[in-house]
Protein backbone atom coordinates (compact mmCIF):
# COMPACT_ATOMS: atom_id res chain seq x y z
CA MET A 1 76.57 33.38 -118.90
CA MET A 2 73.27 35.16 -119.61
CA ARG A 3 74.60 36.30 -123.00
CA SER A 4 75.43 32.69 -123.96
CA VAL A 5 71.99 31.42 -122.95
CA CYS A 6 70.32 34.19 -124.96
CA GLY A 7 72.53 33.35 -127.96
CA LEU A 8 71.56 29.68 -127.78
CA LEU A 9 67.83 30.50 -127.54
CA PHE A 10 68.21 32.83 -130.52
CA LEU A 11 69.75 30.01 -132.62
CA VAL A 12 66.96 27.66 -131.61
CA TRP A 13 64.42 30.24 -132.61
CA VAL A 14 66.06 30.82 -135.97
CA ALA A 15 66.28 27.09 -136.68
CA THR A 16 62.66 26.63 -135.81
CA ALA A 17 61.55 29.58 -137.84
CA CYS A 18 63.38 28.29 -140.85
CA THR A 19 61.92 24.81 -140.70
CA PRO A 20 58.86 24.54 -142.95
CA ARG A 21 55.69 23.75 -141.09
CA LEU A 22 53.80 20.54 -141.73
CA LYS A 23 50.52 21.22 -143.55
CA SER A 24 47.70 18.69 -143.94
CA ARG A 25 44.71 18.78 -146.26
CA PHE A 26 42.45 16.47 -148.22
CA LEU A 27 43.63 15.53 -151.64
CA GLY A 28 43.51 18.45 -154.06
CA GLN A 29 43.56 18.81 -157.82
CA GLY A 30 47.27 19.45 -158.00
CA ASP A 31 48.05 16.28 -156.00
CA VAL A 32 46.65 13.88 -158.60
CA TRP A 33 48.53 12.97 -161.73
CA LEU A 34 47.40 10.86 -164.64
CA ARG A 35 49.72 8.54 -166.47
CA ALA A 36 49.78 9.08 -170.22
CA GLY A 37 46.88 7.33 -171.89
CA THR A 38 44.67 7.31 -168.80
CA GLN A 39 41.02 8.29 -169.21
CA LEU A 40 38.73 8.92 -166.30
CA GLU A 41 35.01 9.43 -166.08
CA GLN A 42 33.73 11.83 -163.43
CA LYS A 43 30.35 10.92 -162.10
CA ALA A 44 28.68 12.22 -159.00
CA ASP A 45 32.01 13.51 -157.76
CA GLN A 46 33.49 9.98 -157.92
CA LEU A 47 35.90 8.30 -160.22
CA VAL A 48 34.08 5.23 -161.40
CA LEU A 49 34.86 2.03 -163.30
CA LYS A 50 32.43 -0.53 -164.70
CA ARG A 51 32.03 -3.18 -162.03
CA PHE A 52 33.11 -6.71 -162.64
CA LEU A 53 30.96 -8.73 -160.32
CA GLY A 54 32.76 -11.74 -158.91
CA ASN A 55 36.14 -10.39 -159.77
CA GLN A 56 38.83 -12.20 -157.79
CA TYR A 57 41.88 -9.95 -157.54
CA GLY A 58 45.30 -11.52 -157.97
CA THR A 59 46.31 -15.10 -157.48
CA TRP A 60 46.85 -17.18 -154.35
CA SER A 61 50.51 -16.09 -154.12
CA ASP A 62 49.34 -12.45 -153.73
CA TYR A 63 47.63 -13.46 -150.49
CA VAL A 64 50.44 -15.26 -148.75
CA PRO A 65 51.24 -13.07 -145.71
CA ASP A 66 54.54 -11.23 -145.84
CA THR A 67 56.21 -11.99 -142.51
CA ASN A 68 58.02 -8.58 -142.72
CA ARG A 69 54.72 -6.71 -143.16
CA LEU A 70 52.13 -8.66 -141.17
CA ASP A 71 50.05 -5.56 -140.47
CA HIS A 72 49.35 -5.51 -144.23
CA PHE A 73 47.55 -8.83 -143.75
CA PRO A 74 44.97 -8.39 -140.94
CA VAL A 75 43.81 -11.52 -139.07
CA ARG A 76 40.42 -12.71 -140.24
CA TYR A 77 37.94 -14.34 -137.80
CA VAL A 78 35.63 -17.25 -138.74
CA ARG A 79 32.42 -17.07 -136.76
CA ILE A 80 31.30 -20.59 -135.66
CA ASN A 81 28.92 -22.22 -133.28
CA LEU A 82 28.89 -25.76 -131.98
CA HIS A 83 25.84 -28.07 -131.70
CA PHE A 84 26.14 -31.22 -129.53
CA MET A 85 23.52 -33.70 -130.77
CA ASN A 86 22.29 -36.07 -128.07
CA THR A 87 19.63 -38.68 -127.29
CA THR A 88 16.71 -37.72 -125.10
CA ASP A 89 18.27 -39.64 -122.24
CA SER A 90 21.45 -37.44 -122.46
CA ALA A 91 23.61 -40.57 -122.65
CA SER A 92 25.18 -40.14 -126.09
CA ASN A 93 27.12 -36.82 -125.99
CA TYR A 94 28.39 -33.98 -123.92
CA SER A 95 25.73 -31.66 -122.55
CA GLY A 96 25.25 -28.64 -120.40
CA GLU A 97 28.28 -27.07 -118.85
CA GLU A 98 30.47 -30.01 -119.81
CA ALA A 99 29.67 -29.32 -123.49
CA ARG A 100 30.50 -25.71 -123.00
CA ARG A 101 33.87 -26.43 -121.44
CA PHE A 102 34.69 -28.92 -124.14
CA ALA A 103 33.78 -26.46 -126.93
CA GLU A 104 35.87 -23.64 -125.42
CA GLY A 105 38.84 -25.94 -124.99
CA TRP A 106 38.42 -27.22 -128.54
CA LEU A 107 38.52 -23.73 -129.99
CA ILE A 108 41.58 -22.75 -127.90
CA ALA A 109 43.51 -25.81 -129.23
CA ALA A 110 42.40 -25.26 -132.90
CA ASN A 111 43.32 -21.56 -132.70
CA LYS A 112 46.76 -22.48 -131.16
CA ASP A 113 47.58 -24.58 -134.19
CA LEU A 114 46.37 -21.82 -136.51
CA GLU A 115 48.47 -19.25 -134.70
CA GLU A 116 51.63 -21.30 -134.55
CA ASN A 117 51.54 -23.32 -137.76
CA ASN A 118 54.19 -26.02 -137.95
CA ARG A 119 56.93 -26.83 -140.42
CA SER A 120 55.60 -29.15 -143.07
CA TRP A 121 57.10 -32.66 -143.12
CA GLN A 122 56.39 -33.08 -146.79
CA PRO A 123 58.01 -33.00 -149.22
CA HIS A 124 60.74 -34.70 -147.22
CA ASN A 125 63.61 -32.32 -146.36
CA ASN A 126 61.71 -29.38 -147.88
CA SER A 127 62.64 -25.76 -147.36
CA LEU A 128 59.14 -24.39 -147.28
CA PRO A 129 58.75 -21.31 -145.15
CA VAL A 130 56.52 -21.43 -142.16
CA ILE A 131 53.92 -18.62 -142.80
CA PRO A 132 51.31 -17.38 -140.29
CA THR A 133 47.83 -18.42 -141.33
CA ARG A 134 46.34 -15.06 -140.31
CA TYR A 135 42.90 -16.46 -139.51
CA ARG A 136 41.20 -17.79 -136.32
CA LEU A 137 37.98 -19.41 -135.24
CA ARG A 138 35.62 -17.40 -132.97
CA LEU A 139 32.70 -18.89 -131.05
CA THR A 140 29.75 -16.60 -131.85
CA ALA A 141 26.46 -16.52 -129.92
CA PRO A 142 23.30 -15.12 -131.61
CA PRO A 143 22.33 -11.62 -130.43
CA ASP A 144 19.09 -12.85 -128.94
CA ASP A 145 20.79 -15.57 -126.89
CA PRO A 146 24.21 -14.27 -125.73
CA ALA A 147 24.18 -16.60 -122.73
CA SER A 148 24.56 -19.59 -125.02
CA GLY A 149 28.13 -18.58 -125.90
CA GLY A 150 27.52 -20.14 -129.30
CA VAL A 151 27.27 -23.66 -127.82
CA PHE A 152 23.94 -25.54 -128.16
CA CYS A 153 22.76 -28.93 -126.90
CA HIS A 154 19.95 -30.74 -128.74
CA TYR A 155 18.10 -33.93 -127.71
CA ASP A 156 16.62 -35.79 -130.68
CA ASP A 157 16.43 -39.60 -130.95
CA GLU A 158 15.83 -39.39 -134.71
CA LEU A 159 18.61 -36.98 -135.71
CA PHE A 160 21.34 -37.32 -133.16
CA TYR A 161 23.46 -39.94 -134.89
CA TYR A 162 26.00 -40.04 -137.73
CA ILE A 163 26.72 -42.89 -140.06
CA HIS A 164 29.78 -42.41 -142.26
CA ARG A 165 29.46 -45.46 -144.61
CA GLY A 166 27.13 -48.21 -145.60
CA LYS A 167 23.63 -48.22 -147.05
CA ASN A 168 22.23 -46.11 -144.19
CA ARG A 169 24.96 -43.48 -144.20
CA ASN A 170 23.70 -39.97 -143.51
CA LEU A 171 26.83 -37.84 -143.66
CA TYR A 172 25.42 -35.83 -146.48
CA ASN A 173 21.88 -35.62 -145.10
CA GLN A 174 20.99 -32.04 -144.15
CA GLN A 175 17.95 -32.58 -141.90
CA VAL A 176 19.83 -31.84 -138.72
CA LEU A 177 21.24 -28.66 -140.21
CA THR A 178 17.86 -27.47 -141.29
CA LYS A 179 16.18 -28.22 -137.98
CA TYR A 180 18.89 -27.00 -135.56
CA GLY A 181 21.07 -24.55 -137.44
CA VAL A 182 21.48 -21.07 -135.92
CA GLN A 183 22.31 -17.99 -137.94
CA ARG A 184 23.38 -20.11 -140.89
CA ASP A 185 23.45 -16.92 -143.03
CA SER A 186 26.36 -15.53 -141.07
CA VAL A 187 27.84 -18.23 -138.80
CA LEU A 188 29.50 -21.60 -139.63
CA ASN A 189 27.44 -24.21 -137.84
CA VAL A 190 29.36 -27.26 -136.58
CA PHE A 191 27.35 -30.30 -135.52
CA VAL A 192 28.93 -32.79 -133.14
CA GLN A 193 27.25 -36.14 -133.47
CA PRO A 194 27.90 -39.58 -132.04
CA HIS A 195 28.24 -42.58 -134.31
CA HIS A 196 25.10 -44.69 -134.37
CA PRO A 197 25.12 -47.51 -131.77
CA ASP A 198 24.43 -50.09 -134.50
CA SER A 199 27.52 -48.86 -136.47
CA ILE A 200 29.70 -49.04 -133.35
CA ALA A 201 28.54 -52.63 -132.83
CA SER A 202 29.98 -53.67 -136.20
CA PRO A 203 33.64 -54.85 -135.88
CA THR A 204 34.38 -53.35 -139.41
CA TYR A 205 33.06 -49.86 -138.69
CA ASN A 206 35.61 -47.22 -137.81
CA ALA A 207 34.05 -45.16 -134.98
CA GLY A 208 36.93 -42.82 -134.65
CA PRO A 209 36.88 -39.05 -135.26
CA VAL A 210 35.58 -38.10 -138.71
CA GLY A 211 34.11 -35.03 -140.34
CA VAL A 212 32.41 -33.81 -143.47
CA MET A 213 31.46 -30.42 -144.92
CA VAL A 214 27.90 -30.35 -146.19
CA GLY A 215 25.40 -27.62 -147.02
CA GLY A 216 27.75 -24.88 -145.87
CA ALA A 217 27.99 -26.52 -142.46
CA ILE A 218 30.21 -29.13 -140.81
CA LYS A 219 29.39 -32.51 -139.21
CA ILE A 220 31.97 -34.12 -136.90
CA ALA A 221 31.47 -37.54 -135.33
CA GLY A 222 33.45 -39.75 -132.87
CA VAL A 223 34.36 -36.98 -130.47
CA TYR A 224 32.37 -38.17 -127.39
CA GLU A 225 32.77 -41.90 -127.74
CA SER A 226 36.53 -41.68 -128.36
CA GLY A 227 36.93 -40.24 -124.88
CA GLN A 228 39.85 -37.97 -125.69
CA PRO A 229 40.29 -34.36 -124.36
CA SER A 230 39.10 -31.58 -126.62
CA TRP A 231 42.50 -30.67 -127.92
CA ALA A 232 42.82 -34.13 -129.57
CA TYR A 233 40.20 -33.05 -132.15
CA ARG A 234 41.62 -29.75 -133.16
CA GLY A 235 42.97 -31.19 -136.39
CA VAL A 236 39.65 -32.54 -137.65
CA LEU A 237 38.00 -29.18 -136.98
CA ASN A 238 40.70 -27.19 -138.78
CA HIS A 239 40.64 -29.76 -141.62
CA GLU A 240 36.86 -29.26 -142.23
CA VAL A 241 37.15 -25.49 -141.95
CA GLY A 242 39.77 -25.75 -144.66
CA HIS A 243 37.27 -27.51 -146.89
CA VAL A 244 34.79 -24.61 -146.20
CA PHE A 245 37.35 -22.16 -147.58
CA SER A 246 38.14 -24.16 -150.72
CA LEU A 247 41.01 -26.45 -149.58
CA ALA A 248 41.03 -29.97 -151.05
CA HIS A 249 42.67 -33.07 -149.66
CA SER A 250 46.43 -32.57 -150.19
CA TRP A 251 46.89 -35.96 -151.74
CA LEU A 252 44.69 -34.93 -154.67
CA ASN A 253 45.51 -32.43 -157.36
CA ASP A 254 44.59 -29.65 -154.99
CA GLY A 255 46.01 -26.77 -157.04
CA CYS A 256 48.93 -26.20 -154.61
CA PRO A 257 52.41 -26.93 -155.98
CA ASP A 258 53.84 -27.13 -152.41
CA THR A 259 51.65 -30.05 -151.22
CA PRO A 260 52.89 -33.53 -152.31
CA TYR A 261 50.66 -35.51 -154.65
CA GLY A 262 49.78 -39.03 -153.49
CA LYS A 263 48.14 -40.66 -150.46
CA ASN A 264 49.97 -40.50 -147.16
CA PRO A 265 51.17 -44.05 -146.19
CA CYS A 266 51.46 -43.32 -142.44
CA TRP A 267 49.16 -42.15 -139.70
CA SER A 268 52.11 -40.84 -137.78
CA LYS A 269 55.92 -40.59 -137.98
CA GLY A 270 57.92 -43.69 -137.12
CA ASN A 271 61.52 -44.91 -137.16
CA ALA A 272 61.05 -47.49 -139.87
CA PRO A 273 60.36 -46.90 -143.62
CA PRO A 274 58.16 -45.58 -145.09
CA CYS A 275 57.06 -43.64 -142.01
CA ASP A 276 60.54 -42.28 -141.27
CA THR A 277 60.39 -40.04 -144.31
CA GLY A 278 56.93 -40.53 -145.71
CA ALA A 279 54.64 -39.31 -142.93
CA THR A 280 52.88 -35.97 -143.17
CA ASN A 281 51.41 -33.46 -140.74
CA ASN A 282 49.49 -31.44 -143.30
CA VAL A 283 46.10 -30.18 -142.10
CA MET A 284 44.37 -31.45 -145.34
CA GLU A 285 45.71 -34.95 -145.11
CA TYR A 286 44.64 -37.80 -142.79
CA ASN A 287 47.27 -38.04 -140.04
CA ALA A 288 47.71 -37.80 -136.28
CA LEU A 289 48.62 -34.11 -136.12
CA GLN A 290 47.05 -32.06 -138.96
CA ASN A 291 48.90 -28.96 -137.76
CA ALA A 292 50.74 -27.66 -140.80
CA TRP A 293 49.62 -25.30 -143.53
CA THR A 294 51.75 -24.66 -146.68
CA PRO A 295 52.12 -21.16 -148.10
CA CYS A 296 49.84 -22.02 -151.05
CA GLN A 297 47.12 -23.45 -148.74
CA ILE A 298 47.24 -20.22 -146.61
CA GLY A 299 47.18 -18.05 -149.74
CA ARG A 300 44.16 -19.95 -151.20
CA VAL A 301 42.18 -19.61 -147.95
CA GLN A 302 42.99 -15.90 -147.67
CA GLN A 303 42.04 -15.37 -151.26
CA LYS A 304 38.60 -16.94 -150.71
CA MET A 305 38.08 -14.95 -147.54
CA ALA A 306 38.86 -11.76 -149.41
CA SER A 307 36.55 -12.43 -152.36
CA GLU A 308 33.26 -10.58 -152.12
CA SER A 309 31.66 -13.07 -154.49
CA PHE A 310 32.66 -16.10 -152.33
CA SER A 311 29.53 -17.42 -150.52
CA TYR A 312 31.22 -18.37 -147.31
CA ARG A 313 32.81 -15.01 -146.82
CA ARG A 314 29.58 -14.38 -144.87
CA TYR A 315 31.03 -16.54 -142.01
CA LEU A 316 33.70 -14.01 -141.34
CA ASP A 317 33.40 -11.49 -138.59
CA PRO A 318 33.30 -8.14 -140.49
CA VAL A 319 35.77 -6.39 -138.21
CA TRP A 320 36.52 -4.03 -141.12
CA CYS A 321 33.07 -2.40 -140.61
CA THR A 322 34.40 -0.64 -137.43
CA LEU A 323 37.28 1.85 -137.33
CA ARG A 324 40.06 1.02 -134.86
CA GLU A 325 41.97 4.15 -133.91
CA ASP A 326 44.69 2.54 -131.88
CA ARG A 327 47.34 2.33 -134.62
CA PRO A 328 47.42 2.73 -138.43
CA VAL A 329 48.66 0.36 -141.05
CA VAL A 330 51.94 1.90 -142.24
CA VAL A 331 53.69 1.38 -145.56
CA THR A 332 57.38 2.29 -145.05
CA ASP A 333 59.04 1.27 -148.38
CA THR A 334 58.03 0.30 -151.92
CA VAL A 335 55.11 -2.09 -151.87
CA VAL A 336 52.70 -3.53 -154.43
CA TRP A 337 49.26 -4.84 -153.44
CA LYS A 338 47.73 -7.15 -156.03
CA GLY A 339 45.20 -9.00 -153.93
CA ALA A 340 42.18 -7.77 -151.92
CA LYS A 341 42.41 -6.35 -148.39
CA ASP A 342 39.89 -5.29 -145.76
CA PHE A 343 41.33 -2.94 -143.16
CA SER A 344 39.87 -1.80 -139.90
CA ARG A 345 42.53 0.93 -139.37
CA HIS A 346 43.74 4.06 -141.05
CA LEU A 347 46.40 3.62 -143.72
CA VAL A 348 49.52 5.75 -143.72
CA ILE A 349 52.20 5.88 -146.51
CA ALA A 350 55.37 7.06 -144.85
CA ALA A 351 57.68 9.83 -146.25
CA GLY A 352 59.57 8.61 -149.25
CA ALA A 353 57.50 5.34 -149.37
CA GLN A 354 55.46 4.20 -152.39
CA LEU A 355 52.33 2.02 -152.42
CA ARG A 356 50.93 0.66 -155.71
CA ILE A 357 47.46 -0.79 -155.57
CA ASP A 358 46.46 -3.23 -158.32
CA GLY A 359 43.63 -4.91 -156.39
CA ARG A 360 40.84 -4.09 -153.96
CA VAL A 361 41.28 -2.15 -150.69
CA SER A 362 38.48 -1.61 -148.24
CA LEU A 363 38.96 1.27 -145.79
CA PRO A 364 36.89 1.34 -142.58
CA PRO A 365 34.05 3.78 -141.92
CA ASN A 366 35.65 7.19 -141.41
CA GLY A 367 38.99 5.66 -142.24
CA LYS A 368 41.75 7.78 -144.04
CA ILE A 369 44.71 7.26 -146.33
CA THR A 370 47.40 9.66 -145.22
CA LEU A 371 50.30 10.53 -147.57
CA ARG A 372 53.31 11.83 -145.69
CA PRO A 373 55.51 14.41 -147.44
CA ASP A 374 57.17 12.77 -150.48
CA ALA A 375 54.92 9.67 -150.27
CA THR A 376 53.36 8.22 -153.42
CA LEU A 377 50.16 6.28 -153.98
CA ILE A 378 49.72 4.62 -157.34
CA LEU A 379 46.30 3.48 -158.34
CA GLY A 380 46.57 0.76 -161.03
CA PRO A 381 44.05 0.31 -163.90
CA GLU A 382 41.89 -2.22 -161.98
CA SER A 383 42.40 -0.94 -158.41
CA ARG A 384 39.42 -0.27 -156.26
CA LEU A 385 39.17 1.78 -153.07
CA HIS A 386 35.94 1.49 -151.10
CA ASN A 387 34.29 0.39 -147.89
CA ALA A 388 33.15 -3.28 -148.01
CA CYS A 389 30.24 -2.43 -145.65
CA GLY A 390 28.80 0.24 -147.93
CA GLU A 391 29.57 3.01 -145.49
CA GLN A 392 31.76 6.06 -146.13
CA TRP A 393 35.46 6.29 -145.58
CA ALA A 394 36.87 9.79 -144.94
CA GLY A 395 39.19 10.21 -147.99
CA ILE A 396 42.88 10.82 -148.75
CA ILE A 397 44.95 13.24 -146.71
CA VAL A 398 48.03 14.91 -148.19
CA GLU A 399 50.75 16.23 -145.96
CA GLN A 400 53.19 18.84 -147.15
CA ARG A 401 56.42 20.26 -145.71
CA GLY A 402 57.97 22.93 -147.82
CA ARG A 403 58.12 21.67 -151.40
CA GLU A 404 57.81 18.04 -150.35
CA GLN A 405 54.26 16.66 -150.45
CA GLY A 406 52.40 13.51 -151.08
CA GLN A 407 50.94 12.67 -154.47
CA VAL A 408 48.57 10.22 -156.17
CA ILE A 409 49.34 8.83 -159.64
CA VAL A 410 46.43 7.25 -161.54
CA GLU A 411 46.66 4.61 -164.30
CA GLY A 412 43.64 3.55 -166.31
CA SER A 413 40.30 3.74 -164.56
CA PRO A 414 40.36 2.87 -160.86
CA THR A 415 37.12 2.51 -158.91
CA ILE A 416 36.69 4.97 -156.03
CA GLU A 417 33.60 4.37 -153.95
CA HIS A 418 32.05 5.47 -150.69
CA ASN A 419 34.48 8.41 -150.35
CA ARG A 420 33.20 11.27 -148.29
CA ASN A 421 35.79 13.62 -149.73
CA PRO A 422 35.91 12.59 -153.42
CA ILE A 423 39.10 12.66 -155.41
CA PRO A 424 39.12 15.81 -157.59
CA LEU A 425 39.62 15.76 -161.39
CA PRO A 426 43.33 15.31 -161.96
CA ILE A 427 45.60 17.69 -163.80
CA PRO A 428 46.79 16.76 -167.36
CA PRO A 429 48.58 13.44 -168.01
CA LYS A 430 52.10 12.96 -166.71
CA ASN A 431 54.55 10.61 -168.49
């Protein structure tokens, strides 16, 4: 018996001794290959490319989340605050704790629609996939007033009201934004205003919920006087946020081939024509639900959110400025990234997998790209690796087991910035 145990232990020892150990190191000269015809300039220990300011990488289709690889499309968060405009007698809008509860419920309902998305009713009998939006709204208080929770109540008899049409309309007037806006350089301000009493008194004036995007902020009216619970207005909020991030009304030529052209004839779905087949639930159309986003609409929003030259990107919570160590983003097969991405986690390319980057990728501060044995990273001619917050990311780690090791292949002149462990000069071109 003892002899058998010793024999088994010996076999285990031999097998272990013969298995190559896993080695790990930062990218070395022999790990980087140039494609034929590639020319690189070495400057300050970095590979550099002339900067194209305002460059938008890829097209909207490159930003549509892949439901099989959702971790490649991190959720983005739009920072917003809510301002309830009221008269000095506090009789025209929600105020105090009631306003706070209303605002929180409103955000919960809006984010629920953003999280779930719904199948689009139009075009009728379509086969459009239901894609996660991958963005949410986040109430954000200023650092010097955390107790506000990002909800503010203002009492102003001159600026409390909203008039949507007529000679005295003020929907595009920015006085209330200028006077009461908070952190407008980094937070999307939403002003909740009642319709003017004189407007409501007119039998031809529609005093229902309505909104407008103006001056980089949002005005929404008809919430208080309509008397509905907060969830009833989730659609108008998501609709206006869609405008902020470039979405047009879906009945116009909005640049999306999957949204039907033409005005919706029905407010809600009914049993009789045309509302049996002609009603819509699209978020950028006027209807009772506004709870469906098409793939193109999601791709367009995500493209704008990823563009460093887009003005309202400043409203996003820059979660990519902080490294999250809990789990990495893992590439497990052959993948091509053509858009722009902002990660808050390490990136790992699994053994045998291949990632080609033809766009912009931001790694978090101290973030790493790890190439498992036999993993390949291809940097295309216009690719860019950097940290979108101007801090340093750690670099590229190569793992090796025996003769199998990760490698980087370079085409053209990629941009490598903010790398604490610069990529070394590559070895001669490889066909």
